[in-house]
């Protein structure tokens, strides 16, 4: 028998018990009984649950749409990442992107705060193969 509840006169906590009967020539010659107090294990399980709730507040955290964290080194990396993402989504190269897709790139960059950094407009214009004045016009269009 495995995993049945047990009690001890010296321990107030419930025990989990297992018993194995030892046989020799078909006769029971002994019993091995193991009783374990699960209280420390339950306490650890409770603490892990609290930690999980602290770091993953929702019980269904796998299905929640969360903001993605991007660890990039420079504005150029952000710009490249966004442009590459749009190119992958559309299956087009940068030089094949039309006005609508370039506006999408500009909106995504603006949403990430890219244009708050000095020199970023020139970098974006260069990577999108457009003039800086066109880049400023696109920024104006996506922020209205």
N, C-alpha and C. Protein backbone atom coordinates (compact mmCIF):
# COMPACT_ATOMS: atom_id res chain seq x y z
N UNK A 1 0.86 -1.18 0.00
CA UNK A 1 0.00 0.00 0.00
C UNK A 1 0.90 1.22 0.00
N UNK A 2 0.52 2.19 -0.83
CA UNK A 2 1.36 3.37 -0.99
C UNK A 2 0.51 4.62 -0.88
N UNK A 3 1.02 5.62 -0.15
CA UNK A 3 0.41 6.95 -0.14
C UNK A 3 -0.85 7.09 0.68
N UNK A 4 -1.05 6.27 1.70
CA UNK A 4 -2.24 6.43 2.53
C UNK A 4 -1.91 7.34 3.70
N UNK A 5 -2.95 7.91 4.30
CA UNK A 5 -2.76 8.84 5.41
C UNK A 5 -2.45 8.07 6.69
N UNK A 6 -1.60 8.67 7.46
CA UNK A 6 -1.24 8.07 8.74
C UNK A 6 -1.14 9.13 9.82
N UNK A 7 -1.15 8.69 11.06
CA UNK A 7 -1.00 9.59 12.20
C UNK A 7 -0.01 8.97 13.17
N UNK A 8 0.61 9.84 13.92
CA UNK A 8 1.56 9.38 14.93
C UNK A 8 1.21 10.05 16.25
N UNK A 9 1.44 9.38 17.32
CA UNK A 9 1.15 9.98 18.63
C UNK A 9 2.18 11.06 18.97
N UNK A 10 3.35 11.03 18.34
CA UNK A 10 4.39 12.01 18.65
C UNK A 10 4.41 13.19 17.66
N UNK A 11 3.68 13.07 16.56
CA UNK A 11 3.70 14.12 15.54
C UNK A 11 2.26 14.55 15.27
N UNK A 12 1.99 15.85 15.43
CA UNK A 12 0.64 16.37 15.23
C UNK A 12 0.28 16.49 13.76
N UNK A 13 1.28 16.54 12.91
CA UNK A 13 1.02 16.72 11.48
C UNK A 13 0.62 15.39 10.85
N UNK A 14 -0.26 15.46 9.83
CA UNK A 14 -0.63 14.21 9.15
C UNK A 14 0.57 13.64 8.39
N UNK A 15 0.62 12.36 8.31
CA UNK A 15 1.73 11.67 7.65
C UNK A 15 1.24 11.02 6.37
N UNK A 16 2.16 10.83 5.46
CA UNK A 16 1.89 10.03 4.28
C UNK A 16 2.65 8.74 4.51
N UNK A 17 1.93 7.65 4.41
CA UNK A 17 2.52 6.36 4.78
C UNK A 17 2.51 5.39 3.61
N UNK A 18 3.47 4.52 3.62
CA UNK A 18 3.55 3.43 2.65
C UNK A 18 4.01 2.19 3.39
N UNK A 19 3.45 1.07 3.00
CA UNK A 19 3.81 -0.19 3.64
C UNK A 19 4.11 -1.23 2.57
N UNK A 20 5.20 -1.92 2.76
CA UNK A 20 5.57 -3.01 1.85
C UNK A 20 5.70 -4.28 2.70
N UNK A 21 4.95 -5.30 2.34
CA UNK A 21 5.02 -6.56 3.07
C UNK A 21 6.14 -7.42 2.50
N UNK A 22 6.95 -7.96 3.38
CA UNK A 22 8.07 -8.80 2.98
C UNK A 22 7.65 -10.26 3.09
N UNK A 23 7.84 -10.98 2.04
CA UNK A 23 7.40 -12.38 2.00
C UNK A 23 8.60 -13.31 1.77
N UNK A 24 8.47 -14.50 2.35
CA UNK A 24 9.44 -15.57 2.10
C UNK A 24 8.64 -16.86 1.99
N UNK A 25 8.79 -17.49 0.87
CA UNK A 25 8.10 -18.75 0.59
C UNK A 25 6.59 -18.61 0.76
N UNK A 26 6.07 -17.44 0.30
CA UNK A 26 4.63 -17.21 0.32
C UNK A 26 4.07 -16.77 1.65
N UNK A 27 4.91 -16.67 2.66
CA UNK A 27 4.45 -16.25 3.99
C UNK A 27 4.98 -14.85 4.28
N UNK A 28 4.19 -14.04 4.94
CA UNK A 28 4.61 -12.71 5.35
C UNK A 28 5.56 -12.85 6.52
N UNK A 29 6.77 -12.32 6.33
CA UNK A 29 7.79 -12.41 7.39
C UNK A 29 8.14 -11.05 7.98
N UNK A 30 7.59 -10.00 7.37
CA UNK A 30 7.88 -8.67 7.88
C UNK A 30 7.16 -7.60 7.09
N UNK A 31 7.29 -6.39 7.58
CA UNK A 31 6.67 -5.25 6.90
C UNK A 31 7.63 -4.07 6.98
N UNK A 32 7.76 -3.39 5.88
CA UNK A 32 8.56 -2.17 5.84
C UNK A 32 7.58 -1.01 5.76
N UNK A 33 7.56 -0.21 6.79
CA UNK A 33 6.62 0.93 6.84
C UNK A 33 7.42 2.24 6.79
N UNK A 34 7.03 3.10 5.88
CA UNK A 34 7.68 4.40 5.76
C UNK A 34 6.61 5.47 5.98
N UNK A 35 6.84 6.30 6.96
CA UNK A 35 5.93 7.40 7.27
C UNK A 35 6.69 8.71 7.08
N UNK A 36 6.13 9.61 6.30
CA UNK A 36 6.82 10.88 6.08
C UNK A 36 5.89 12.05 6.36
N UNK A 37 6.47 13.04 6.99
CA UNK A 37 5.75 14.28 7.29
C UNK A 37 5.94 15.22 6.10
N UNK A 38 4.86 15.52 5.41
CA UNK A 38 4.93 16.36 4.21
C UNK A 38 4.82 17.85 4.54
N UNK A 39 4.72 18.23 5.80
CA UNK A 39 4.52 19.63 6.17
C UNK A 39 5.59 20.55 5.58
N UNK A 40 6.90 20.22 5.68
CA UNK A 40 7.91 21.10 5.07
C UNK A 40 7.74 21.21 3.55
N UNK A 41 7.38 20.11 2.92
CA UNK A 41 7.18 20.11 1.47
C UNK A 41 6.00 21.00 1.08
N UNK A 42 4.92 20.92 1.85
CA UNK A 42 3.75 21.76 1.60
C UNK A 42 4.10 23.23 1.80
N UNK A 43 4.93 23.54 2.81
CA UNK A 43 5.35 24.92 3.06
C UNK A 43 6.17 25.45 1.89
N UNK A 44 7.09 24.64 1.36
CA UNK A 44 7.89 25.05 0.20
C UNK A 44 6.99 25.25 -1.01
N UNK A 45 6.05 24.34 -1.21
CA UNK A 45 5.11 24.45 -2.32
C UNK A 45 4.31 25.75 -2.23
N UNK A 46 3.91 26.12 -1.03
CA UNK A 46 3.17 27.38 -0.81
C UNK A 46 4.04 28.58 -1.14
N UNK A 47 5.30 28.55 -0.70
CA UNK A 47 6.22 29.66 -1.00
C UNK A 47 6.47 29.80 -2.50
N UNK A 48 6.65 28.69 -3.18
CA UNK A 48 6.84 28.71 -4.63
C UNK A 48 5.60 29.30 -5.30
N UNK A 49 4.42 28.94 -4.81
CA UNK A 49 3.18 29.51 -5.34
C UNK A 49 3.13 31.01 -5.16
N UNK A 50 3.59 31.50 -4.01
CA UNK A 50 3.61 32.94 -3.76
C UNK A 50 4.60 33.64 -4.70
N UNK A 51 5.77 33.03 -4.89
CA UNK A 51 6.74 33.61 -5.82
C UNK A 51 6.19 33.64 -7.24
N UNK A 52 5.55 32.57 -7.65
CA UNK A 52 4.95 32.50 -8.97
C UNK A 52 3.92 33.62 -9.14
N UNK A 53 3.11 33.84 -8.14
CA UNK A 53 2.09 34.89 -8.20
C UNK A 53 2.72 36.28 -8.25
N UNK A 54 3.87 36.45 -7.59
CA UNK A 54 4.56 37.75 -7.63
C UNK A 54 5.08 38.05 -9.03
N UNK A 55 5.68 37.06 -9.67
CA UNK A 55 6.32 37.27 -10.96
C UNK A 55 5.38 37.02 -12.14
N UNK A 56 4.37 36.22 -11.93
CA UNK A 56 3.39 35.90 -12.98
C UNK A 56 2.00 36.07 -12.36
N UNK A 57 1.52 37.32 -12.25
CA UNK A 57 0.30 37.60 -11.48
C UNK A 57 -0.95 36.88 -11.95
N UNK A 58 -1.05 36.52 -13.19
CA UNK A 58 -2.25 35.86 -13.67
C UNK A 58 -2.02 34.35 -13.68
N UNK A 59 -3.04 33.61 -13.33
CA UNK A 59 -2.94 32.16 -13.36
C UNK A 59 -2.77 31.64 -14.78
N UNK A 60 -3.22 32.43 -15.74
CA UNK A 60 -3.17 32.03 -17.14
C UNK A 60 -2.16 32.91 -17.89
N UNK A 61 -0.96 33.07 -17.32
CA UNK A 61 0.01 34.02 -17.86
C UNK A 61 0.55 33.62 -19.22
N UNK A 62 0.43 32.36 -19.61
CA UNK A 62 0.93 31.96 -20.92
C UNK A 62 0.08 32.53 -22.05
N UNK A 63 -1.19 32.81 -21.78
CA UNK A 63 -2.10 33.26 -22.82
C UNK A 63 -2.33 34.77 -22.82
N UNK A 64 -1.62 35.50 -21.98
CA UNK A 64 -1.80 36.94 -21.91
C UNK A 64 -0.86 37.60 -22.90
N UNK A 65 -1.39 38.58 -23.64
CA UNK A 65 -0.55 39.34 -24.57
C UNK A 65 0.27 40.32 -23.73
N UNK A 66 1.55 40.14 -23.71
CA UNK A 66 2.41 41.00 -22.91
C UNK A 66 3.29 41.82 -23.84
N UNK A 67 3.68 42.98 -23.36
CA UNK A 67 4.58 43.84 -24.10
C UNK A 67 5.92 43.14 -24.21
N UNK A 68 6.48 43.13 -25.38
CA UNK A 68 7.76 42.47 -25.60
C UNK A 68 8.89 43.42 -25.22
N UNK A 69 9.87 42.91 -24.53
CA UNK A 69 11.03 43.70 -24.17
C UNK A 69 12.10 43.48 -25.23
N UNK A 70 12.65 44.58 -25.72
CA UNK A 70 13.70 44.49 -26.72
C UNK A 70 14.99 45.04 -26.13
N UNK A 71 15.99 44.22 -26.14
CA UNK A 71 17.28 44.63 -25.63
C UNK A 71 18.19 44.92 -26.82
N UNK A 72 18.17 46.16 -27.25
CA UNK A 72 18.95 46.55 -28.42
C UNK A 72 20.02 47.54 -28.00
N UNK A 73 21.04 47.61 -28.81
CA UNK A 73 22.19 48.43 -28.46
C UNK A 73 22.10 49.86 -28.98
N UNK A 74 21.34 50.09 -30.05
CA UNK A 74 21.34 51.43 -30.64
C UNK A 74 20.04 51.70 -31.38
N UNK A 75 19.88 52.94 -31.78
CA UNK A 75 18.73 53.35 -32.59
C UNK A 75 18.74 52.57 -33.90
N UNK A 76 19.91 52.40 -34.47
CA UNK A 76 20.02 51.65 -35.71
C UNK A 76 19.50 50.23 -35.58
N UNK A 77 19.75 49.62 -34.41
CA UNK A 77 19.24 48.26 -34.16
C UNK A 77 17.72 48.24 -34.11
N UNK A 78 17.15 49.24 -33.44
CA UNK A 78 15.69 49.33 -33.35
C UNK A 78 15.10 49.48 -34.74
N UNK A 79 15.66 50.41 -35.50
CA UNK A 79 15.17 50.67 -36.86
C UNK A 79 15.28 49.40 -37.71
N UNK A 80 16.41 48.75 -37.66
CA UNK A 80 16.61 47.53 -38.44
C UNK A 80 15.62 46.44 -38.02
N UNK A 81 15.41 46.32 -36.71
CA UNK A 81 14.50 45.31 -36.20
C UNK A 81 13.08 45.53 -36.70
N UNK A 82 12.61 46.77 -36.66
CA UNK A 82 11.25 47.08 -37.11
C UNK A 82 11.12 46.88 -38.62
N UNK A 83 12.08 47.39 -39.36
CA UNK A 83 12.03 47.25 -40.82
C UNK A 83 12.09 45.78 -41.21
N UNK A 84 12.98 45.03 -40.58
CA UNK A 84 13.08 43.59 -40.87
C UNK A 84 11.78 42.87 -40.55
N UNK A 85 11.15 43.27 -39.43
CA UNK A 85 9.87 42.66 -39.05
C UNK A 85 8.80 42.89 -40.09
N UNK A 86 8.71 44.11 -40.60
CA UNK A 86 7.71 44.42 -41.63
C UNK A 86 8.04 43.66 -42.92
N UNK A 87 9.31 43.58 -43.25
CA UNK A 87 9.70 42.85 -44.47
C UNK A 87 9.36 41.37 -44.36
N UNK A 88 9.59 40.78 -43.20
CA UNK A 88 9.27 39.37 -42.99
C UNK A 88 7.75 39.16 -43.07
N UNK A 89 6.99 40.05 -42.44
CA UNK A 89 5.52 39.93 -42.46
C UNK A 89 4.96 40.02 -43.87
N UNK A 90 5.54 40.90 -44.66
CA UNK A 90 5.00 41.14 -46.00
C UNK A 90 5.66 40.30 -47.08
N UNK A 91 6.85 39.78 -46.79
CA UNK A 91 7.58 39.02 -47.80
C UNK A 91 8.24 39.91 -48.84
N UNK A 92 8.41 41.18 -48.50
CA UNK A 92 8.99 42.14 -49.44
C UNK A 92 10.34 42.63 -48.93
N UNK A 93 11.19 43.05 -49.87
CA UNK A 93 12.45 43.70 -49.50
C UNK A 93 12.16 45.16 -49.20
N UNK A 94 13.09 45.84 -48.55
CA UNK A 94 12.92 47.25 -48.19
C UNK A 94 12.61 48.09 -49.42
N UNK A 95 13.32 47.85 -50.51
CA UNK A 95 13.11 48.67 -51.71
C UNK A 95 11.77 48.37 -52.39
N UNK A 96 11.07 47.32 -51.94
CA UNK A 96 9.76 46.99 -52.50
C UNK A 96 8.60 47.51 -51.65
N UNK A 97 8.91 48.07 -50.48
CA UNK A 97 7.86 48.55 -49.59
C UNK A 97 7.19 49.78 -50.19
N UNK A 98 5.88 49.76 -50.23
CA UNK A 98 5.13 50.91 -50.72
C UNK A 98 4.90 51.91 -49.60
N UNK A 99 4.21 52.97 -49.91
CA UNK A 99 3.95 54.04 -48.95
C UNK A 99 3.23 53.51 -47.71
N UNK A 100 2.24 52.66 -47.91
CA UNK A 100 1.47 52.14 -46.77
C UNK A 100 2.35 51.37 -45.80
N UNK A 101 3.23 50.54 -46.32
CA UNK A 101 4.13 49.75 -45.47
C UNK A 101 5.18 50.64 -44.80
N UNK A 102 5.66 51.64 -45.53
CA UNK A 102 6.63 52.57 -44.92
C UNK A 102 5.96 53.36 -43.79
N UNK A 103 4.71 53.73 -43.99
CA UNK A 103 3.97 54.41 -42.92
C UNK A 103 3.81 53.48 -41.71
N UNK A 104 3.59 52.20 -41.97
CA UNK A 104 3.49 51.22 -40.89
C UNK A 104 4.81 51.17 -40.10
N UNK A 105 5.92 51.16 -40.83
CA UNK A 105 7.25 51.17 -40.18
C UNK A 105 7.39 52.43 -39.33
N UNK A 106 7.02 53.57 -39.88
CA UNK A 106 7.15 54.84 -39.16
C UNK A 106 6.28 54.84 -37.90
N UNK A 107 5.08 54.30 -38.00
CA UNK A 107 4.19 54.25 -36.83
C UNK A 107 4.79 53.36 -35.75
N UNK A 108 5.29 52.21 -36.15
CA UNK A 108 5.90 51.30 -35.16
C UNK A 108 7.11 51.94 -34.49
N UNK A 109 7.93 52.62 -35.28
CA UNK A 109 9.10 53.30 -34.71
C UNK A 109 8.67 54.41 -33.78
N UNK A 110 7.65 55.16 -34.18
CA UNK A 110 7.14 56.24 -33.34
C UNK A 110 6.58 55.69 -32.04
N UNK A 111 5.84 54.57 -32.12
CA UNK A 111 5.28 53.94 -30.91
C UNK A 111 6.37 53.50 -29.95
N UNK A 112 7.52 53.15 -30.47
CA UNK A 112 8.65 52.72 -29.62
C UNK A 112 9.49 53.91 -29.14
N UNK A 113 9.11 55.12 -29.53
CA UNK A 113 9.85 56.30 -29.08
C UNK A 113 11.13 56.53 -29.83
N UNK A 114 11.28 55.92 -30.97
CA UNK A 114 12.52 56.01 -31.74
C UNK A 114 12.83 57.45 -32.14
N UNK A 115 11.80 58.21 -32.48
CA UNK A 115 12.04 59.56 -33.00
C UNK A 115 12.32 60.58 -31.90
N UNK A 116 12.36 60.13 -30.65
CA UNK A 116 12.75 61.00 -29.54
C UNK A 116 14.27 61.07 -29.41
N UNK A 117 14.96 60.31 -30.20
CA UNK A 117 16.42 60.24 -30.12
C UNK A 117 17.02 61.01 -31.29
N UNK A 118 17.95 61.87 -30.95
CA UNK A 118 18.59 62.72 -31.96
C UNK A 118 19.26 61.87 -33.05
N UNK A 119 19.02 62.25 -34.28
CA UNK A 119 19.65 61.60 -35.42
C UNK A 119 18.90 60.38 -35.95
N UNK A 120 17.81 60.03 -35.27
CA UNK A 120 17.10 58.82 -35.67
C UNK A 120 16.36 58.98 -36.99
N UNK A 121 15.86 60.17 -37.29
CA UNK A 121 15.12 60.38 -38.54
C UNK A 121 16.04 60.16 -39.74
N UNK A 122 17.25 60.68 -39.67
CA UNK A 122 18.20 60.51 -40.77
C UNK A 122 18.53 59.02 -40.95
N UNK A 123 18.68 58.30 -39.85
CA UNK A 123 18.99 56.87 -39.91
C UNK A 123 17.84 56.08 -40.54
N UNK A 124 16.61 56.43 -40.13
CA UNK A 124 15.44 55.74 -40.68
C UNK A 124 15.32 56.03 -42.17
N UNK A 125 15.48 57.30 -42.53
CA UNK A 125 15.38 57.69 -43.95
C UNK A 125 16.39 56.90 -44.78
N UNK A 126 17.60 56.79 -44.29
CA UNK A 126 18.64 56.07 -45.03
C UNK A 126 18.26 54.59 -45.19
N UNK A 127 17.79 53.94 -44.11
CA UNK A 127 17.47 52.52 -44.18
C UNK A 127 16.23 52.24 -45.02
N UNK A 128 15.30 53.21 -45.07
CA UNK A 128 14.11 53.03 -45.90
C UNK A 128 14.31 53.54 -47.33
N UNK A 129 15.48 54.11 -47.58
CA UNK A 129 15.81 54.66 -48.91
C UNK A 129 14.82 55.75 -49.31
N UNK A 130 14.55 56.66 -48.35
CA UNK A 130 13.71 57.82 -48.63
C UNK A 130 14.45 59.06 -48.16
N UNK A 131 13.98 60.23 -48.57
CA UNK A 131 14.63 61.47 -48.13
C UNK A 131 14.20 61.79 -46.70
N UNK A 132 14.99 62.62 -46.04
CA UNK A 132 14.64 63.02 -44.68
C UNK A 132 13.33 63.79 -44.66
N UNK A 133 13.10 64.62 -45.66
CA UNK A 133 11.84 65.38 -45.69
C UNK A 133 10.64 64.43 -45.84
N UNK A 134 10.80 63.37 -46.61
CA UNK A 134 9.73 62.37 -46.72
C UNK A 134 9.54 61.67 -45.38
N UNK A 135 10.62 61.37 -44.69
CA UNK A 135 10.53 60.73 -43.37
C UNK A 135 9.77 61.63 -42.40
N UNK A 136 10.08 62.94 -42.40
CA UNK A 136 9.36 63.87 -41.52
C UNK A 136 7.88 63.95 -41.89
N UNK A 137 7.59 63.92 -43.18
CA UNK A 137 6.19 63.95 -43.63
C UNK A 137 5.47 62.69 -43.15
N UNK A 138 6.11 61.54 -43.25
CA UNK A 138 5.51 60.30 -42.78
C UNK A 138 5.28 60.34 -41.26
N UNK A 139 6.24 60.88 -40.52
CA UNK A 139 6.08 61.00 -39.07
C UNK A 139 4.86 61.85 -38.75
N UNK A 140 4.75 62.95 -39.47
CA UNK A 140 3.61 63.85 -39.27
C UNK A 140 2.30 63.09 -39.57
N UNK A 141 2.30 62.28 -40.60
CA UNK A 141 1.09 61.54 -40.98
C UNK A 141 0.70 60.50 -39.92
N UNK A 142 1.66 59.83 -39.31
CA UNK A 142 1.34 58.78 -38.35
C UNK A 142 1.06 59.31 -36.94
N UNK A 143 1.40 60.57 -36.70
CA UNK A 143 1.16 61.13 -35.37
C UNK A 143 -0.09 61.98 -35.29
N UNK A 144 -0.75 62.17 -36.40
CA UNK A 144 -1.99 62.97 -36.39
C UNK A 144 -3.13 62.22 -35.78
